[in-house]
N, C-alpha and C. Protein backbone atom coordinates (compact mmCIF):
# COMPACT_ATOMS: atom_id res chain seq x y z
N MET A 1 -110.89 28.69 147.66
CA MET A 1 -111.52 28.89 146.89
C MET A 1 -111.24 30.45 146.25
N LEU A 2 -111.75 30.99 146.70
CA LEU A 2 -112.06 32.28 146.32
C LEU A 2 -110.68 32.92 146.59
N LEU A 3 -109.64 33.07 147.82
CA LEU A 3 -108.55 33.56 147.97
C LEU A 3 -107.92 32.93 146.77
N TYR A 4 -107.75 31.92 146.22
CA TYR A 4 -106.86 30.91 145.42
C TYR A 4 -107.16 31.69 144.14
N GLN A 5 -108.39 31.98 143.69
CA GLN A 5 -108.60 32.36 142.53
C GLN A 5 -107.70 33.61 142.53
N SER A 6 -108.05 34.57 143.45
CA SER A 6 -107.39 35.84 143.36
C SER A 6 -105.81 35.81 143.30
N TRP A 7 -105.33 34.91 144.36
CA TRP A 7 -103.96 34.71 144.50
C TRP A 7 -103.35 34.82 142.76
N ILE A 8 -104.13 33.71 142.12
CA ILE A 8 -103.70 33.30 140.64
C ILE A 8 -104.02 35.04 140.03
N PHE A 9 -104.96 35.38 139.88
CA PHE A 9 -105.50 36.32 138.96
C PHE A 9 -104.56 37.54 139.26
N GLY A 10 -104.31 38.02 140.34
CA GLY A 10 -103.07 38.60 140.83
C GLY A 10 -101.60 38.37 140.18
N HIS A 11 -101.25 37.44 140.02
CA HIS A 11 -100.23 37.08 139.40
C HIS A 11 -100.08 37.35 137.89
N VAL A 12 -101.59 36.94 137.13
CA VAL A 12 -102.10 37.51 135.67
C VAL A 12 -101.50 38.88 135.51
N VAL A 13 -102.20 39.61 136.70
CA VAL A 13 -102.19 41.05 135.91
C VAL A 13 -100.98 41.06 136.32
N TYR A 14 -100.04 40.97 137.30
CA TYR A 14 -98.83 41.48 137.88
C TYR A 14 -97.74 41.00 136.38
N TRP A 15 -97.63 39.96 135.83
CA TRP A 15 -97.37 39.47 134.81
C TRP A 15 -97.38 39.88 133.42
N ASN A 16 -98.81 40.55 133.51
CA ASN A 16 -98.84 41.55 132.34
C ASN A 16 -97.81 42.46 131.68
N THR A 17 -97.11 43.14 132.80
CA THR A 17 -96.30 44.01 132.90
C THR A 17 -94.79 43.67 133.53
N HIS A 18 -94.82 42.49 134.23
CA HIS A 18 -93.55 42.14 134.92
C HIS A 18 -93.07 40.64 134.02
N ASP A 19 -92.13 40.10 133.94
CA ASP A 19 -91.57 39.27 133.39
C ASP A 19 -91.77 37.80 134.57
N PRO A 20 -92.22 36.34 134.33
CA PRO A 20 -91.89 35.61 135.40
C PRO A 20 -90.75 35.37 135.57
N ALA A 21 -90.24 35.21 136.75
CA ALA A 21 -88.89 34.35 136.50
C ALA A 21 -88.72 32.92 136.40
N THR A 22 -90.00 32.42 136.89
CA THR A 22 -90.02 30.61 137.03
C THR A 22 -91.41 30.75 136.53
N SER A 23 -91.78 28.91 136.68
CA SER A 23 -93.18 28.73 136.25
C SER A 23 -93.75 27.35 137.29
N ALA A 24 -94.80 27.30 137.56
CA ALA A 24 -94.67 26.00 138.03
C ALA A 24 -94.26 24.66 137.39
N PHE A 25 -94.29 24.64 136.08
CA PHE A 25 -93.41 23.48 135.58
C PHE A 25 -92.15 23.46 135.56
N MET A 26 -91.69 24.93 135.49
CA MET A 26 -90.04 24.72 135.90
C MET A 26 -89.78 23.72 136.91
N ARG A 27 -90.45 24.53 138.29
CA ARG A 27 -90.28 23.88 139.78
C ARG A 27 -90.62 22.60 139.73
N ASN A 28 -91.72 22.05 138.79
CA ASN A 28 -91.67 20.60 138.79
C ASN A 28 -90.92 19.83 138.21
N ARG A 29 -89.86 20.36 137.24
CA ARG A 29 -89.15 19.64 136.66
C ARG A 29 -87.77 19.37 137.68
N LEU A 30 -87.58 20.53 138.45
CA LEU A 30 -86.29 20.98 139.30
C LEU A 30 -86.38 20.00 140.03
N GLU A 31 -87.38 19.71 141.05
CA GLU A 31 -87.83 18.89 142.23
C GLU A 31 -87.87 17.35 141.37
N GLU A 32 -88.16 17.37 140.31
CA GLU A 32 -87.81 15.86 140.18
C GLU A 32 -86.68 15.49 139.92
N ALA A 33 -86.07 16.30 139.21
CA ALA A 33 -84.42 16.40 138.85
C ALA A 33 -84.03 16.09 140.24
N ARG A 34 -84.11 16.34 141.25
CA ARG A 34 -82.97 16.47 142.71
C ARG A 34 -83.57 15.34 143.20
N GLU A 35 -84.98 14.77 143.00
CA GLU A 35 -85.68 13.42 143.52
C GLU A 35 -84.47 12.64 143.09
N ASN A 36 -84.24 12.71 141.68
CA ASN A 36 -83.32 11.56 141.39
C ASN A 36 -81.93 11.40 141.43
N GLY A 37 -81.63 12.34 142.17
CA GLY A 37 -80.04 12.44 142.39
C GLY A 37 -79.56 13.49 141.77
N SER A 38 -80.03 14.36 140.81
CA SER A 38 -79.56 14.89 139.81
C SER A 38 -78.78 16.55 140.48
N GLN A 39 -77.88 16.97 140.31
CA GLN A 39 -77.84 18.59 140.59
C GLN A 39 -77.87 19.25 139.31
N ALA A 40 -79.32 19.03 138.55
CA ALA A 40 -79.64 19.92 137.84
C ALA A 40 -79.81 21.29 138.09
N ARG A 41 -79.62 22.32 137.05
CA ARG A 41 -79.93 23.49 137.50
C ARG A 41 -80.76 23.83 135.64
N LEU A 42 -81.79 24.70 135.61
CA LEU A 42 -82.35 25.21 135.05
C LEU A 42 -81.93 26.20 133.99
N HIS A 43 -81.95 26.40 132.68
CA HIS A 43 -81.49 27.34 132.19
C HIS A 43 -82.19 28.26 130.80
N LEU A 44 -82.22 29.35 131.57
CA LEU A 44 -83.21 30.32 130.95
C LEU A 44 -82.87 31.61 131.64
N GLN A 45 -83.14 32.30 129.92
CA GLN A 45 -82.71 33.97 130.02
C GLN A 45 -83.62 34.80 129.33
N TRP A 46 -84.42 35.67 129.82
CA TRP A 46 -85.55 36.08 129.13
C TRP A 46 -85.01 37.23 127.99
N ILE A 47 -85.87 36.72 126.66
CA ILE A 47 -85.84 37.64 125.66
C ILE A 47 -86.91 38.63 125.15
N PRO A 48 -87.02 39.98 124.64
CA PRO A 48 -88.13 40.50 125.04
C PRO A 48 -88.93 40.28 123.26
N TYR A 49 -89.99 40.00 123.42
CA TYR A 49 -90.69 39.77 122.28
C TYR A 49 -89.91 40.05 120.87
N GLU A 50 -89.68 41.67 120.57
CA GLU A 50 -89.29 42.19 119.66
C GLU A 50 -87.95 41.87 119.23
N ARG A 51 -87.09 40.60 120.09
CA ARG A 51 -85.66 40.06 120.07
C ARG A 51 -85.97 38.90 119.36
N ILE A 52 -87.31 38.19 119.40
CA ILE A 52 -87.44 36.75 119.13
C ILE A 52 -87.59 36.89 117.34
N SER A 53 -87.02 36.09 116.54
CA SER A 53 -86.98 36.08 115.00
C SER A 53 -88.51 36.01 114.86
N SER A 54 -88.90 36.42 114.17
CA SER A 54 -90.02 36.15 113.57
C SER A 54 -90.74 34.98 112.78
N HIS A 55 -89.25 34.35 112.51
CA HIS A 55 -89.68 33.13 111.86
C HIS A 55 -89.70 31.73 113.04
N LEU A 56 -89.16 32.35 114.29
CA LEU A 56 -90.03 31.04 115.37
C LEU A 56 -91.00 31.38 115.73
N LYS A 57 -91.23 32.68 115.78
CA LYS A 57 -92.98 32.95 116.34
C LYS A 57 -93.87 32.55 115.39
N ARG A 58 -93.34 32.64 113.90
CA ARG A 58 -94.27 31.89 113.29
C ARG A 58 -94.66 30.46 113.21
N ALA A 59 -93.40 29.91 113.42
CA ALA A 59 -93.46 28.26 113.47
C ALA A 59 -93.90 27.63 114.73
N VAL A 60 -93.63 28.28 115.83
CA VAL A 60 -94.65 27.77 117.09
C VAL A 60 -96.00 28.01 117.14
N VAL A 61 -96.55 29.22 116.57
CA VAL A 61 -97.98 29.43 116.11
C VAL A 61 -98.50 28.25 115.12
N ALA A 62 -97.86 27.87 114.10
CA ALA A 62 -98.34 27.03 112.97
C ALA A 62 -98.37 25.76 113.41
N ALA A 63 -97.29 25.27 114.34
CA ALA A 63 -97.20 23.80 115.06
C ALA A 63 -98.17 24.02 116.13
N GLU A 64 -98.22 24.80 117.21
CA GLU A 64 -98.80 24.40 118.36
C GLU A 64 -100.48 25.33 118.55
N ASP A 65 -100.55 26.08 117.49
CA ASP A 65 -102.50 26.66 117.70
C ASP A 65 -102.37 27.69 116.42
N ASP A 66 -102.43 27.20 115.26
CA ASP A 66 -103.08 28.17 114.24
C ASP A 66 -103.81 29.13 114.14
N ARG A 67 -104.48 28.52 114.78
CA ARG A 67 -105.70 29.91 115.16
C ARG A 67 -105.74 30.68 116.08
N PHE A 68 -104.30 30.93 116.69
CA PHE A 68 -103.96 31.73 118.04
C PHE A 68 -104.69 33.34 117.95
N MET A 69 -104.62 33.68 116.69
CA MET A 69 -105.27 35.11 116.88
C MET A 69 -106.81 35.29 116.33
N MET A 70 -107.33 34.31 116.30
CA MET A 70 -108.64 34.18 116.21
C MET A 70 -109.33 33.61 117.33
N HIS A 71 -109.25 32.86 118.20
CA HIS A 71 -109.94 32.58 119.15
C HIS A 71 -109.60 33.04 120.44
N GLU A 72 -110.56 33.06 121.60
CA GLU A 72 -110.43 33.60 122.56
C GLU A 72 -109.60 32.60 123.90
N GLY A 73 -109.32 31.86 123.62
CA GLY A 73 -108.53 30.81 124.30
C GLY A 73 -108.70 29.91 124.31
N PHE A 74 -109.46 29.42 123.51
CA PHE A 74 -110.38 27.95 123.50
C PHE A 74 -110.29 27.56 121.69
N ASP A 75 -109.97 26.60 121.10
CA ASP A 75 -110.11 26.40 119.87
C ASP A 75 -110.79 24.85 119.95
N TYR A 76 -112.18 25.37 119.80
CA TYR A 76 -113.06 23.97 119.47
C TYR A 76 -113.06 22.83 118.45
N ASP A 77 -113.05 23.81 117.51
CA ASP A 77 -112.25 22.31 116.40
C ASP A 77 -111.59 21.65 116.55
N ALA A 78 -110.33 22.43 116.89
CA ALA A 78 -109.20 21.41 117.57
C ALA A 78 -109.14 20.71 118.53
N MET A 79 -110.33 20.89 119.40
CA MET A 79 -110.67 19.85 120.54
C MET A 79 -111.27 18.83 120.05
N ARG A 80 -112.21 19.24 119.15
CA ARG A 80 -112.75 17.93 118.31
C ARG A 80 -112.14 16.78 117.74
N ARG A 81 -111.39 17.39 117.31
CA ARG A 81 -110.66 16.94 115.85
C ARG A 81 -109.53 16.06 117.11
N ALA A 82 -109.03 16.47 117.88
CA ALA A 82 -107.91 15.46 119.00
C ALA A 82 -108.94 14.51 119.61
N HIS A 83 -110.14 14.63 119.65
CA HIS A 83 -111.03 13.94 120.59
C HIS A 83 -111.41 12.71 119.44
N GLU A 84 -111.48 13.12 118.15
CA GLU A 84 -111.74 11.80 117.07
C GLU A 84 -110.44 11.26 117.28
N ARG A 85 -109.32 11.85 117.03
CA ARG A 85 -108.01 10.77 116.37
C ARG A 85 -107.83 9.96 117.94
N ASN A 86 -107.97 10.96 119.25
CA ASN A 86 -107.99 10.12 120.46
C ASN A 86 -108.71 8.70 120.45
N LEU A 87 -109.81 8.83 119.75
CA LEU A 87 -110.82 7.85 120.12
C LEU A 87 -110.23 6.88 118.74
N LYS A 88 -110.31 7.22 118.16
CA LYS A 88 -109.58 5.74 116.96
C LYS A 88 -108.46 5.51 117.12
N ALA A 89 -107.41 6.47 117.61
CA ALA A 89 -106.40 5.53 118.62
C ALA A 89 -106.19 4.33 119.39
N GLY A 90 -107.40 4.93 120.30
CA GLY A 90 -107.35 4.37 121.42
C GLY A 90 -106.66 4.43 122.79
N ARG A 91 -105.99 5.57 122.35
CA ARG A 91 -105.14 6.26 123.46
C ARG A 91 -104.91 7.84 123.14
N LEU A 92 -104.34 8.41 124.00
CA LEU A 92 -103.97 9.88 124.43
C LEU A 92 -102.82 10.03 123.09
N VAL A 93 -103.34 10.56 121.57
CA VAL A 93 -102.07 10.79 120.87
C VAL A 93 -102.72 12.48 120.38
N ALA A 94 -103.45 13.17 120.91
CA ALA A 94 -103.32 14.62 120.53
C ALA A 94 -104.19 15.24 121.88
N GLY A 95 -104.02 16.59 121.83
CA GLY A 95 -104.28 17.59 122.79
C GLY A 95 -105.21 18.67 122.44
N GLY A 96 -105.01 19.02 121.55
CA GLY A 96 -105.88 20.24 121.10
C GLY A 96 -105.87 21.35 121.90
N SER A 97 -104.88 21.74 123.19
CA SER A 97 -104.54 22.87 123.25
C SER A 97 -104.18 23.86 122.92
N THR A 98 -104.92 24.96 123.03
CA THR A 98 -103.95 26.25 122.70
C THR A 98 -103.22 26.78 123.16
N ILE A 99 -102.52 27.84 122.73
CA ILE A 99 -101.09 28.72 123.17
C ILE A 99 -101.50 29.21 124.86
N SER A 100 -102.67 29.49 124.88
CA SER A 100 -103.24 30.34 126.31
C SER A 100 -103.43 29.41 127.33
N GLN A 101 -103.59 27.79 126.80
CA GLN A 101 -104.45 26.58 127.91
C GLN A 101 -102.50 26.47 127.93
N GLN A 102 -101.93 26.13 127.36
CA GLN A 102 -100.53 25.50 127.79
C GLN A 102 -99.74 26.52 128.31
N LEU A 103 -99.95 27.83 128.21
CA LEU A 103 -99.14 28.85 129.12
C LEU A 103 -99.97 28.76 130.59
N ALA A 104 -101.12 28.60 130.70
CA ALA A 104 -102.04 28.58 131.76
C ALA A 104 -101.67 27.34 132.49
N LYS A 105 -100.97 26.17 132.48
CA LYS A 105 -101.02 25.42 132.88
C LYS A 105 -99.59 25.08 133.40
N ASN A 106 -98.63 25.87 132.41
CA ASN A 106 -97.14 26.02 132.56
C ASN A 106 -96.93 26.61 133.71
N LEU A 107 -97.77 27.83 133.45
CA LEU A 107 -97.46 28.72 134.84
C LEU A 107 -98.07 28.33 136.10
N PHE A 108 -99.17 27.78 136.22
CA PHE A 108 -99.40 27.30 137.57
C PHE A 108 -99.78 26.10 137.65
N LEU A 109 -100.15 25.30 137.18
CA LEU A 109 -100.27 23.83 137.50
C LEU A 109 -99.49 22.64 137.45
N SER A 110 -99.95 21.80 137.79
CA SER A 110 -98.81 20.54 137.64
C SER A 110 -99.64 20.03 136.59
N ALA A 111 -98.68 18.84 135.98
CA ALA A 111 -98.96 17.83 135.13
C ALA A 111 -99.72 17.01 135.31
N SER A 112 -100.80 16.36 136.15
CA SER A 112 -102.14 15.82 136.42
C SER A 112 -102.73 15.88 135.37
N ARG A 113 -103.57 14.84 135.13
CA ARG A 113 -104.72 15.09 134.21
C ARG A 113 -106.21 15.00 134.71
N THR A 114 -106.51 15.56 136.25
CA THR A 114 -107.59 15.38 136.81
C THR A 114 -108.60 16.63 136.30
N PRO A 115 -110.35 15.97 136.71
CA PRO A 115 -110.86 17.11 136.19
C PRO A 115 -110.90 18.34 136.74
N TRP A 116 -110.38 18.46 137.91
CA TRP A 116 -110.20 19.92 138.41
C TRP A 116 -109.27 20.34 138.10
N ARG A 117 -107.84 19.81 137.59
CA ARG A 117 -106.73 20.60 136.83
C ARG A 117 -107.45 20.99 135.12
N LYS A 118 -107.99 20.25 134.76
CA LYS A 118 -108.58 20.97 133.31
C LYS A 118 -109.30 21.97 133.89
N ALA A 119 -110.40 22.28 134.53
CA ALA A 119 -110.95 23.01 135.01
C ALA A 119 -110.81 24.40 135.61
N GLN A 120 -109.40 24.19 136.53
CA GLN A 120 -108.63 25.47 136.55
C GLN A 120 -107.85 25.87 135.47
N GLU A 121 -107.44 24.92 134.81
CA GLU A 121 -106.80 25.31 133.30
C GLU A 121 -107.55 26.33 132.38
N ALA A 122 -108.93 26.08 132.51
CA ALA A 122 -109.82 26.62 131.83
C ALA A 122 -110.15 28.10 132.25
N VAL A 123 -110.25 28.21 134.10
CA VAL A 123 -110.50 29.37 134.44
C VAL A 123 -109.13 30.56 134.34
N ILE A 124 -107.66 29.85 134.62
CA ILE A 124 -106.82 30.75 133.97
C ILE A 124 -106.49 31.10 132.50
N THR A 125 -106.64 30.38 131.69
CA THR A 125 -106.54 30.46 130.17
C THR A 125 -107.76 31.91 130.04
N LEU A 126 -109.30 31.83 130.46
CA LEU A 126 -109.90 32.84 130.62
C LEU A 126 -109.46 34.34 131.33
N MET A 127 -108.32 33.98 132.31
CA MET A 127 -107.89 35.28 133.21
C MET A 127 -106.84 35.58 131.91
N LEU A 128 -105.97 34.96 131.58
CA LEU A 128 -104.58 35.23 130.78
C LEU A 128 -105.41 36.24 129.52
N GLU A 129 -106.55 35.57 128.71
CA GLU A 129 -106.54 36.02 127.59
C GLU A 129 -107.68 37.96 128.20
N GLY A 130 -108.41 37.89 129.04
CA GLY A 130 -109.12 38.58 129.34
C GLY A 130 -107.97 40.10 129.74
N VAL A 131 -107.00 39.45 130.37
CA VAL A 131 -106.05 40.57 131.02
C VAL A 131 -104.75 41.27 130.07
N MET A 132 -104.30 40.18 129.30
CA MET A 132 -103.02 40.07 128.19
C MET A 132 -103.56 40.00 127.07
N SER A 133 -102.70 41.04 126.01
CA SER A 133 -102.93 40.78 124.73
C SER A 133 -102.29 39.81 124.20
N LYS A 134 -102.69 39.39 122.97
CA LYS A 134 -102.09 38.09 122.06
C LYS A 134 -100.03 38.10 121.91
N ARG A 135 -99.93 39.45 122.22
CA ARG A 135 -98.61 39.60 121.93
C ARG A 135 -97.88 39.34 123.32
N ARG A 136 -98.66 39.57 124.50
CA ARG A 136 -97.98 39.27 125.71
C ARG A 136 -97.76 38.08 126.07
N ILE A 137 -99.30 37.33 125.86
CA ILE A 137 -99.31 35.97 126.13
C ILE A 137 -98.00 34.89 125.18
N LEU A 138 -97.89 35.52 123.85
CA LEU A 138 -96.86 34.59 123.06
C LEU A 138 -95.60 34.88 123.58
N GLU A 139 -95.46 35.85 123.78
CA GLU A 139 -94.17 36.46 124.94
C GLU A 139 -93.67 35.61 125.73
N ILE A 140 -94.64 35.32 126.76
CA ILE A 140 -94.43 34.94 128.17
C ILE A 140 -94.03 33.31 127.60
N TYR A 141 -94.99 32.78 126.64
CA TYR A 141 -94.90 31.40 126.28
C TYR A 141 -93.83 31.36 125.74
N LEU A 142 -92.89 31.78 124.71
CA LEU A 142 -91.91 31.61 124.47
C LEU A 142 -90.95 31.75 125.29
N ASN A 143 -90.90 32.67 126.39
CA ASN A 143 -90.03 32.57 126.99
C ASN A 143 -89.62 31.54 128.12
N VAL A 144 -90.69 30.59 128.33
CA VAL A 144 -91.21 29.66 129.95
C VAL A 144 -91.56 27.98 129.24
N ILE A 145 -91.56 28.04 127.55
CA ILE A 145 -92.08 26.56 127.47
C ILE A 145 -90.41 25.80 127.63
N GLU A 146 -90.61 24.36 127.82
CA GLU A 146 -89.87 23.60 128.02
C GLU A 146 -89.20 23.13 126.60
N TRP A 147 -87.60 23.16 126.19
CA TRP A 147 -87.08 22.87 125.20
C TRP A 147 -86.05 21.70 124.83
N GLY A 148 -86.06 21.18 126.36
CA GLY A 148 -84.51 20.25 126.23
C GLY A 148 -84.56 20.16 127.51
N ASP A 149 -83.74 19.10 128.13
CA ASP A 149 -83.26 18.79 129.34
C ASP A 149 -83.07 20.05 130.54
N GLY A 150 -83.65 20.76 130.90
CA GLY A 150 -83.37 21.93 131.93
C GLY A 150 -83.40 22.86 130.68
N VAL A 151 -83.72 23.01 129.79
CA VAL A 151 -83.72 24.29 128.60
C VAL A 151 -85.11 24.39 128.40
N PHE A 152 -85.24 26.30 128.95
CA PHE A 152 -86.22 26.31 128.75
C PHE A 152 -86.49 27.85 128.16
N GLY A 153 -87.17 28.33 127.33
CA GLY A 153 -87.48 29.60 127.23
C GLY A 153 -86.52 29.53 124.94
N ALA A 154 -86.96 30.61 124.57
CA ALA A 154 -85.94 30.35 123.25
C ALA A 154 -84.82 31.21 123.01
N GLU A 155 -84.50 31.67 124.05
CA GLU A 155 -82.94 32.08 124.14
C GLU A 155 -82.19 30.99 124.46
N ALA A 156 -82.50 30.43 125.51
CA ALA A 156 -81.47 28.89 126.26
C ALA A 156 -81.88 28.16 125.00
N ALA A 157 -82.84 28.23 123.99
CA ALA A 157 -83.21 26.95 123.38
C ALA A 157 -82.38 26.87 122.16
N MET A 158 -82.03 28.39 121.48
CA MET A 158 -81.35 28.60 120.39
C MET A 158 -79.99 28.16 120.65
N ARG A 159 -79.55 28.84 121.56
CA ARG A 159 -77.98 28.95 122.33
C ARG A 159 -77.79 27.53 122.90
N HIS A 160 -78.39 26.48 122.93
CA HIS A 160 -78.29 25.07 123.25
C HIS A 160 -78.18 24.26 122.10
N TYR A 161 -78.82 24.22 120.81
CA TYR A 161 -79.23 23.58 120.02
C TYR A 161 -78.22 24.43 118.87
N TYR A 162 -78.05 25.65 118.63
CA TYR A 162 -77.56 26.34 117.63
C TYR A 162 -76.30 27.28 117.91
N GLY A 163 -75.82 27.48 118.81
CA GLY A 163 -74.96 28.36 119.65
C GLY A 163 -75.34 30.11 119.10
N ILE A 164 -76.75 30.37 118.68
CA ILE A 164 -77.18 31.83 118.12
C ILE A 164 -78.08 32.19 119.49
N SER A 165 -78.19 33.56 118.96
CA SER A 165 -79.47 34.19 119.64
C SER A 165 -80.86 34.13 119.03
N ALA A 166 -81.83 33.94 120.09
CA ALA A 166 -83.31 33.88 119.31
C ALA A 166 -83.58 34.68 117.97
N ASP A 167 -82.77 35.60 118.41
CA ASP A 167 -83.31 36.73 117.25
C ASP A 167 -82.63 36.59 115.74
N SER A 168 -81.53 35.31 115.71
CA SER A 168 -80.95 34.94 114.61
C SER A 168 -81.55 33.61 114.20
N ALA A 169 -82.80 32.91 114.58
CA ALA A 169 -82.97 31.75 114.06
C ALA A 169 -83.62 31.82 112.55
N GLY A 170 -83.45 30.77 111.89
CA GLY A 170 -83.84 30.59 110.39
C GLY A 170 -84.86 29.92 110.45
N MET A 171 -85.34 30.19 109.37
CA MET A 171 -86.80 29.27 109.21
C MET A 171 -86.65 27.64 109.28
N GLU A 172 -85.45 27.02 109.32
CA GLU A 172 -85.46 25.60 109.53
C GLU A 172 -84.88 25.44 110.72
N GLN A 173 -84.02 26.11 111.48
CA GLN A 173 -84.01 26.34 112.64
C GLN A 173 -85.17 26.35 113.53
N ALA A 174 -86.17 27.27 113.51
CA ALA A 174 -87.28 27.67 114.06
C ALA A 174 -88.38 26.58 113.98
N ALA A 175 -88.28 25.86 112.89
CA ALA A 175 -89.52 24.78 112.32
C ALA A 175 -88.97 23.76 113.11
N ARG A 176 -87.59 23.42 113.43
CA ARG A 176 -87.04 22.23 113.92
C ARG A 176 -87.28 22.62 115.25
N LEU A 177 -87.10 23.64 116.15
CA LEU A 177 -87.42 23.82 117.61
C LEU A 177 -88.98 23.69 117.80
N ALA A 178 -89.70 24.17 116.91
CA ALA A 178 -91.23 24.31 116.91
C ALA A 178 -91.26 22.65 116.94
N ALA A 179 -91.00 21.88 116.22
CA ALA A 179 -91.60 20.38 115.88
C ALA A 179 -91.29 19.69 117.38
N MET A 180 -90.33 20.11 118.17
CA MET A 180 -89.47 19.86 119.23
C MET A 180 -90.86 19.76 120.66
N ILE A 181 -91.39 20.48 120.48
CA ILE A 181 -92.38 21.09 121.80
C ILE A 181 -92.88 20.21 122.17
N PRO A 182 -93.75 19.25 121.38
CA PRO A 182 -94.68 18.23 122.48
C PRO A 182 -93.50 17.01 123.31
N ASP A 183 -92.24 16.96 122.64
CA ASP A 183 -91.39 16.13 123.61
C ASP A 183 -90.17 16.53 123.39
N PRO A 184 -90.06 17.75 124.29
CA PRO A 184 -88.62 18.46 124.14
C PRO A 184 -87.31 17.68 124.48
N ARG A 185 -87.52 16.56 125.97
CA ARG A 185 -86.66 16.37 126.39
C ARG A 185 -86.02 15.39 125.61
N TYR A 186 -87.06 13.80 124.90
CA TYR A 186 -86.60 12.96 124.05
C TYR A 186 -85.63 13.70 122.83
N HIS A 187 -85.98 15.04 122.23
CA HIS A 187 -85.71 15.16 121.31
C HIS A 187 -84.52 15.60 121.29
N ASP A 188 -84.03 16.20 122.61
CA ASP A 188 -82.67 16.68 123.18
C ASP A 188 -81.91 15.50 122.82
N ARG A 189 -82.22 14.36 123.26
CA ARG A 189 -81.34 13.47 122.97
C ARG A 189 -81.20 12.41 121.98
N HIS A 190 -82.58 12.91 120.95
CA HIS A 190 -82.37 12.37 119.49
C HIS A 190 -82.96 13.09 118.71
N ARG A 191 -81.77 13.88 118.07
CA ARG A 191 -81.89 14.89 117.09
C ARG A 191 -82.42 15.27 116.11
N ASP A 192 -82.37 13.94 115.46
CA ASP A 192 -82.24 13.96 114.17
C ASP A 192 -83.35 12.80 113.28
N THR A 193 -84.59 12.01 114.09
CA THR A 193 -84.98 11.07 113.98
C THR A 193 -86.02 11.56 112.94
N ALA A 194 -86.55 10.41 112.05
CA ALA A 194 -87.24 11.10 110.82
C ALA A 194 -88.74 11.39 111.48
N GLY A 195 -89.28 11.10 112.14
CA GLY A 195 -90.36 11.60 112.86
C GLY A 195 -90.20 12.82 112.85
N LEU A 196 -89.26 13.46 113.69
CA LEU A 196 -89.05 14.86 113.80
C LEU A 196 -88.64 15.52 112.45
N LYS A 197 -88.07 15.41 111.66
CA LYS A 197 -87.88 15.75 110.12
C LYS A 197 -89.41 16.55 109.21
N ARG A 198 -90.17 14.64 109.53
CA ARG A 198 -91.26 14.87 109.00
C ARG A 198 -92.20 15.86 109.38
N LYS A 199 -92.18 16.26 110.61
CA LYS A 199 -93.04 17.16 111.42
C LYS A 199 -92.31 18.49 110.46
N MET A 200 -90.77 18.82 111.01
CA MET A 200 -90.65 19.92 110.50
C MET A 200 -90.94 20.35 109.34
N ARG A 201 -90.73 19.95 107.90
CA ARG A 201 -91.23 19.89 106.91
C ARG A 201 -92.58 20.11 106.99
N ALA A 202 -93.42 20.21 107.44
CA ALA A 202 -95.03 20.17 107.86
C ALA A 202 -94.93 21.71 108.36
N ILE A 203 -94.34 21.98 109.23
CA ILE A 203 -94.38 23.33 109.98
C ILE A 203 -93.84 24.44 109.02
N LEU A 204 -93.06 23.98 108.05
CA LEU A 204 -92.24 24.87 107.12
C LEU A 204 -93.24 25.14 106.13
N ALA A 205 -94.32 24.42 105.99
CA ALA A 205 -95.06 24.12 104.67
C ALA A 205 -96.37 25.48 105.03
N ARG A 206 -96.45 25.47 106.79
CA ARG A 206 -97.35 26.31 107.34
C ARG A 206 -97.22 27.69 107.73
N MET A 207 -95.88 27.89 107.82
CA MET A 207 -95.26 28.67 108.66
C MET A 207 -95.76 30.31 107.46
N ALA A 208 -95.85 30.24 106.20
CA ALA A 208 -96.17 31.62 105.59
C ALA A 208 -97.44 32.10 106.04
N ALA A 209 -98.30 31.12 106.23
CA ALA A 209 -100.04 31.24 106.47
C ALA A 209 -100.23 31.92 108.42
N ALA A 210 -99.23 31.44 108.88
CA ALA A 210 -99.39 31.55 110.20
C ALA A 210 -99.49 32.84 111.16
N ARG A 211 -100.44 33.46 111.64
CA ARG A 211 -100.69 35.19 111.65
C ARG A 211 -99.95 34.99 113.17
N ILE A 212 -99.35 35.90 113.61
CA ILE A 212 -98.62 36.30 114.68
C ILE A 212 -98.79 37.94 115.00
N PRO A 213 -99.06 38.02 116.38
CA PRO A 213 -99.29 39.26 117.03
C PRO A 213 -98.05 40.20 116.44
């Protein structure tokens, strides 16, 4: 266990100054596609933080973690609200994970929801927050998250949906992409649903107040 934690910590330190070429989540998606007989390929093109539109940064923070700049990896109020919503609905309808927690899971872990995986996610989140700046965490997050069927990262997403680079994203384009994050493969196939439009409008209303590094 100590060797495994050291291996993870070594990667966190390395990725503080070097860009990840892939992630555990990407590898899982590729393996899943090949098991289904697909010849799928992943579309990812790294883009530096300063070349990602501020609209897209604000939209993602507003949608996924509006207290990103204030917490140290965990937003306990968001967790409590998510727990209350899930109890009321009788099923899992909200997560409450921060951007740092999502990045920890994306880079290293499987999609399982076991207690061990959640504990490991918490440990990796502490490593990320302890080693990396908020700017670096957000930069990696925006470059590795899934945004469609085989589409990963802001640059690939903007080119896939709009045919432009991530530095050219306008407010509505950014809000729409941010609204897709919880279920990107569904929204890749259904790009104009009423639910997506409602969420996009809500994100647009919160973007101006979103704090980014």
